[in-house]
Amino acid sequence: MFICTANSCRSQIAEGFAKEYGKGIIEAYSAGIMTAGIHHRAATVMKEIGIDISKQESKEIDAELLLKMDYVITLCSYAETFCPKFIPGINRLHWPIKDPVGTSGSEEFIINDFRRARDEIKEKVLEFINQIKTSG
């Protein structure tokens, strides 16, 4: 499960990549400490590379589902701080990806920051899937 603050951008992007590149290897979910809907720029930058996350839903952490996870990956310090810490049998990873949602400036500058976050997350997800493949 990928977790960030509002489950609107980084965790949604990670879920999209994991579903696309991890088919048959992992079952991907995302959630947030709270919900805010899918950020339209996150959907836009994913669509640019052929992955549609627009139908995914912004969700709060479901405690029952969380207990079924093998891995919990936080993508921001807020989620890392507030996500339940000691859950037996769950591996925790932290990927501190800078949030593009707060970026200001021209539309081109903002969308490029969303692309930066997308590309960082893609690299991390691909590394994670390769680790799962080699350890499984």
Foldseek 3Di string as FASTA:
>chain_A
DEEEAAQAALLLLLQQLCVVVVVVQDHDDYAHCHHDWHDPLRQVLCVVVPTGSNPPTYHHDDVVVVLVAQEYEYADVVCVVPPDDDRPNHHYHYHPQDDLPPDDDDPVVSSVSSNVSSVSSNVVSVVVSVVSVVVD
